[in-house]
Amino acid sequence: MIAVNVKNGELSKAEINAYIAKGKELYPEKTIEAVDITLDGDYVDVDYRFADVPFQRIRRITGYLVGTLDRFNNAKRSEVEDRVKHTLS
């Protein structure tokens, strides 16, 4: 369900659905969470708010960019365990 806020007037359900459809067309890779529509005479300002995107941290380990070590074989896991971690002290 997309939350819709209309300011400074009223819109028909068909108009609101058209603005939502346009947002989905403009941003197909994002999930629209809410739409703020502000009416100003003949002008309409539409602001789309999107759902947060899950973020996975990646690290550079032994020359590879990885998020987790679950896809490493035993030799690569051993290499990770044997590496020297440097500190500033």
N, C-alpha and C. Protein backbone atom coordinates (compact mmCIF):
# COMPACT_ATOMS: atom_id res chain seq x y z
N MET A 1 0.84 -1.17 0.00
CA MET A 1 0.00 0.00 0.00
C MET A 1 0.89 1.25 0.00
N ILE A 2 0.62 2.14 -0.90
CA ILE A 2 1.39 3.38 -1.02
C ILE A 2 0.60 4.49 -0.33
N ALA A 3 1.26 5.19 0.59
CA ALA A 3 0.63 6.32 1.27
C ALA A 3 0.63 7.52 0.34
N VAL A 4 -0.51 8.18 0.21
CA VAL A 4 -0.63 9.35 -0.67
C VAL A 4 -1.11 10.54 0.15
N ASN A 5 -0.37 11.65 0.07
CA ASN A 5 -0.74 12.89 0.75
C ASN A 5 -0.96 13.97 -0.30
N VAL A 6 -2.18 14.51 -0.35
CA VAL A 6 -2.51 15.58 -1.30
C VAL A 6 -2.66 16.87 -0.51
N LYS A 7 -1.92 17.90 -0.91
CA LYS A 7 -1.96 19.20 -0.21
C LYS A 7 -2.55 20.27 -1.13
N ASN A 8 -3.29 21.18 -0.55
CA ASN A 8 -3.85 22.35 -1.25
C ASN A 8 -4.94 22.00 -2.24
N GLY A 9 -5.68 20.95 -2.01
CA GLY A 9 -6.78 20.61 -2.91
C GLY A 9 -7.11 19.14 -2.86
N GLU A 10 -7.87 18.70 -3.86
CA GLU A 10 -8.28 17.31 -3.95
C GLU A 10 -8.01 16.78 -5.34
N LEU A 11 -7.74 15.48 -5.42
CA LEU A 11 -7.56 14.79 -6.69
C LEU A 11 -8.46 13.56 -6.72
N SER A 12 -8.86 13.19 -7.92
CA SER A 12 -9.66 11.96 -8.06
C SER A 12 -8.74 10.75 -7.90
N LYS A 13 -9.34 9.63 -7.62
CA LYS A 13 -8.58 8.38 -7.47
C LYS A 13 -7.83 8.06 -8.77
N ALA A 14 -8.44 8.36 -9.90
CA ALA A 14 -7.80 8.10 -11.20
C ALA A 14 -6.54 8.95 -11.37
N GLU A 15 -6.61 10.23 -10.94
CA GLU A 15 -5.43 11.10 -11.04
C GLU A 15 -4.31 10.62 -10.12
N ILE A 16 -4.68 10.23 -8.92
CA ILE A 16 -3.68 9.73 -7.97
C ILE A 16 -3.02 8.47 -8.53
N ASN A 17 -3.82 7.56 -9.06
CA ASN A 17 -3.28 6.33 -9.65
C ASN A 17 -2.36 6.63 -10.84
N ALA A 18 -2.68 7.68 -11.60
CA ALA A 18 -1.84 8.06 -12.73
C ALA A 18 -0.47 8.55 -12.25
N TYR A 19 -0.45 9.32 -11.15
CA TYR A 19 0.83 9.79 -10.61
C TYR A 19 1.64 8.63 -10.04
N ILE A 20 0.99 7.67 -9.42
CA ILE A 20 1.69 6.49 -8.91
C ILE A 20 2.25 5.67 -10.07
N ALA A 21 1.46 5.48 -11.11
CA ALA A 21 1.91 4.73 -12.29
C ALA A 21 3.11 5.41 -12.94
N LYS A 22 3.07 6.74 -13.02
CA LYS A 22 4.19 7.49 -13.61
C LYS A 22 5.46 7.31 -12.77
N GLY A 23 5.31 7.32 -11.45
CA GLY A 23 6.46 7.09 -10.57
C GLY A 23 7.06 5.71 -10.77
N LYS A 24 6.20 4.70 -10.92
CA LYS A 24 6.70 3.34 -11.16
C LYS A 24 7.40 3.24 -12.51
N GLU A 25 6.92 4.01 -13.48
CA GLU A 25 7.55 4.03 -14.80
C GLU A 25 8.91 4.72 -14.74
N LEU A 26 8.98 5.85 -14.00
CA LEU A 26 10.23 6.61 -13.90
C LEU A 26 11.29 5.90 -13.06
N TYR A 27 10.85 5.17 -12.04
CA TYR A 27 11.77 4.53 -11.10
C TYR A 27 11.45 3.04 -10.95
N PRO A 28 11.62 2.25 -12.02
CA PRO A 28 11.22 0.83 -11.96
C PRO A 28 12.04 0.00 -10.97
N GLU A 29 13.25 0.43 -10.66
CA GLU A 29 14.10 -0.35 -9.77
C GLU A 29 13.88 -0.04 -8.29
N LYS A 30 13.02 0.95 -8.00
CA LYS A 30 12.77 1.36 -6.62
C LYS A 30 11.34 1.01 -6.19
N THR A 31 11.15 0.88 -4.87
CA THR A 31 9.83 0.63 -4.31
C THR A 31 9.29 1.92 -3.74
N ILE A 32 8.18 2.41 -4.29
CA ILE A 32 7.58 3.66 -3.82
C ILE A 32 6.85 3.38 -2.51
N GLU A 33 7.22 4.14 -1.48
CA GLU A 33 6.61 3.97 -0.17
C GLU A 33 5.50 5.00 0.05
N ALA A 34 5.70 6.22 -0.48
CA ALA A 34 4.70 7.28 -0.30
C ALA A 34 4.84 8.29 -1.43
N VAL A 35 3.73 9.00 -1.68
CA VAL A 35 3.71 10.06 -2.69
C VAL A 35 3.11 11.30 -2.05
N ASP A 36 3.84 12.42 -2.14
CA ASP A 36 3.34 13.71 -1.67
C ASP A 36 3.02 14.55 -2.90
N ILE A 37 1.75 14.94 -3.03
CA ILE A 37 1.31 15.72 -4.18
C ILE A 37 0.84 17.08 -3.67
N THR A 38 1.48 18.14 -4.16
CA THR A 38 1.12 19.50 -3.77
C THR A 38 0.54 20.22 -4.97
N LEU A 39 -0.69 20.70 -4.83
CA LEU A 39 -1.37 21.41 -5.92
C LEU A 39 -1.15 22.91 -5.76
N ASP A 40 -0.87 23.59 -6.89
CA ASP A 40 -0.67 25.04 -6.90
C ASP A 40 -1.24 25.59 -8.20
N GLY A 41 -2.53 25.83 -8.21
CA GLY A 41 -3.19 26.31 -9.42
C GLY A 41 -3.12 25.26 -10.51
N ASP A 42 -2.49 25.62 -11.63
CA ASP A 42 -2.35 24.68 -12.75
C ASP A 42 -1.13 23.77 -12.60
N TYR A 43 -0.35 23.98 -11.56
CA TYR A 43 0.89 23.22 -11.37
C TYR A 43 0.72 22.16 -10.29
N VAL A 44 1.43 21.07 -10.47
CA VAL A 44 1.41 19.97 -9.50
C VAL A 44 2.85 19.59 -9.21
N ASP A 45 3.19 19.52 -7.92
CA ASP A 45 4.52 19.08 -7.48
C ASP A 45 4.36 17.70 -6.88
N VAL A 46 5.09 16.73 -7.42
CA VAL A 46 4.98 15.35 -6.96
C VAL A 46 6.33 14.92 -6.39
N ASP A 47 6.32 14.48 -5.13
CA ASP A 47 7.53 13.97 -4.48
C ASP A 47 7.30 12.50 -4.13
N TYR A 48 8.19 11.65 -4.61
CA TYR A 48 8.11 10.22 -4.33
C TYR A 48 9.08 9.90 -3.19
N ARG A 49 8.63 9.12 -2.23
CA ARG A 49 9.50 8.62 -1.16
C ARG A 49 9.63 7.12 -1.34
N PHE A 50 10.88 6.66 -1.28
CA PHE A 50 11.18 5.26 -1.60
C PHE A 50 11.55 4.47 -0.36
N ALA A 51 11.30 3.17 -0.42
CA ALA A 51 11.68 2.26 0.66
C ALA A 51 13.20 2.14 0.70
N ASP A 52 13.73 1.90 1.89
CA ASP A 52 15.17 1.72 2.04
C ASP A 52 15.64 0.49 1.29
N VAL A 53 16.85 0.58 0.77
CA VAL A 53 17.46 -0.53 0.05
C VAL A 53 18.38 -1.28 1.01
N PRO A 54 18.25 -2.60 1.11
CA PRO A 54 19.15 -3.34 1.99
C PRO A 54 20.60 -3.15 1.56
N PHE A 55 21.46 -2.95 2.53
CA PHE A 55 22.87 -2.69 2.24
C PHE A 55 23.72 -3.80 2.83
N GLN A 56 24.61 -4.35 2.02
CA GLN A 56 25.52 -5.38 2.51
C GLN A 56 26.94 -4.83 2.44
N ARG A 57 27.62 -4.90 3.56
CA ARG A 57 28.99 -4.41 3.62
C ARG A 57 29.91 -5.37 2.87
N ILE A 58 30.84 -4.81 2.09
CA ILE A 58 31.82 -5.65 1.43
C ILE A 58 33.21 -5.23 1.89
N ARG A 59 34.11 -6.18 1.86
CA ARG A 59 35.49 -5.93 2.26
C ARG A 59 36.42 -6.47 1.18
N ARG A 60 37.62 -5.95 1.17
CA ARG A 60 38.63 -6.48 0.26
C ARG A 60 39.50 -7.43 1.07
N ILE A 61 39.40 -8.72 0.74
CA ILE A 61 40.16 -9.74 1.45
C ILE A 61 40.96 -10.53 0.43
N THR A 62 42.24 -10.57 0.63
CA THR A 62 43.17 -11.32 -0.23
C THR A 62 42.91 -11.05 -1.72
N GLY A 63 42.66 -9.79 -2.04
CA GLY A 63 42.49 -9.41 -3.43
C GLY A 63 41.09 -9.56 -3.99
N TYR A 64 40.12 -9.98 -3.17
CA TYR A 64 38.75 -10.17 -3.62
C TYR A 64 37.81 -9.26 -2.85
N LEU A 65 36.78 -8.76 -3.51
CA LEU A 65 35.73 -8.01 -2.83
C LEU A 65 34.66 -8.99 -2.40
N VAL A 66 34.46 -9.11 -1.09
CA VAL A 66 33.50 -10.10 -0.57
C VAL A 66 32.66 -9.49 0.53
N GLY A 67 31.47 -10.04 0.71
CA GLY A 67 30.62 -9.65 1.83
C GLY A 67 30.81 -10.63 2.97
N THR A 68 30.83 -11.91 2.66
CA THR A 68 31.04 -12.96 3.66
C THR A 68 32.03 -13.97 3.09
N LEU A 69 32.50 -14.83 3.95
CA LEU A 69 33.49 -15.83 3.52
C LEU A 69 32.85 -17.17 3.17
N ASP A 70 31.54 -17.24 3.15
CA ASP A 70 30.87 -18.53 2.95
C ASP A 70 31.13 -19.16 1.58
N ARG A 71 31.56 -18.37 0.59
CA ARG A 71 31.81 -18.94 -0.74
C ARG A 71 33.29 -19.28 -0.95
N PHE A 72 34.12 -19.01 0.06
CA PHE A 72 35.54 -19.33 -0.05
C PHE A 72 35.77 -20.83 0.17
N ASN A 73 36.73 -21.39 -0.56
CA ASN A 73 37.11 -22.78 -0.31
C ASN A 73 38.06 -22.82 0.88
N ASN A 74 38.47 -24.02 1.30
CA ASN A 74 39.29 -24.18 2.50
C ASN A 74 40.63 -23.45 2.38
N ALA A 75 41.26 -23.49 1.22
CA ALA A 75 42.55 -22.83 1.03
C ALA A 75 42.42 -21.32 1.19
N LYS A 76 41.37 -20.75 0.62
CA LYS A 76 41.17 -19.31 0.70
C LYS A 76 40.82 -18.90 2.14
N ARG A 77 40.04 -19.74 2.84
CA ARG A 77 39.72 -19.46 4.26
C ARG A 77 40.99 -19.48 5.11
N SER A 78 41.88 -20.43 4.83
CA SER A 78 43.14 -20.51 5.55
C SER A 78 43.99 -19.28 5.30
N GLU A 79 43.99 -18.82 4.07
CA GLU A 79 44.73 -17.61 3.71
C GLU A 79 44.21 -16.41 4.50
N VAL A 80 42.89 -16.32 4.66
CA VAL A 80 42.30 -15.22 5.43
C VAL A 80 42.72 -15.31 6.89
N GLU A 81 42.72 -16.52 7.46
CA GLU A 81 43.10 -16.70 8.87
C GLU A 81 44.57 -16.38 9.10
N ASP A 82 45.43 -16.64 8.11
CA ASP A 82 46.87 -16.44 8.27
C ASP A 82 47.33 -15.02 7.96
N ARG A 83 46.50 -14.19 7.46
CA ARG A 83 46.95 -12.86 7.06
C ARG A 83 47.29 -12.01 8.28
N VAL A 84 48.20 -11.07 8.09
CA VAL A 84 48.63 -10.18 9.16
C VAL A 84 47.79 -8.93 9.13
N LYS A 85 47.17 -8.61 10.25
CA LYS A 85 46.37 -7.39 10.36
C LYS A 85 47.25 -6.29 10.94
N HIS A 86 47.33 -5.17 10.24
CA HIS A 86 48.17 -4.06 10.66
C HIS A 86 47.35 -3.07 11.47
N THR A 87 47.97 -2.48 12.48
CA THR A 87 47.30 -1.47 13.29
C THR A 87 48.19 -0.23 13.36
N LEU A 88 47.60 0.87 13.73
CA LEU A 88 48.34 2.11 13.93
C LEU A 88 48.57 2.28 15.42
N SER A 89 49.80 2.03 15.87
CA SER A 89 50.09 2.23 17.29
C SER A 89 51.55 2.52 17.52
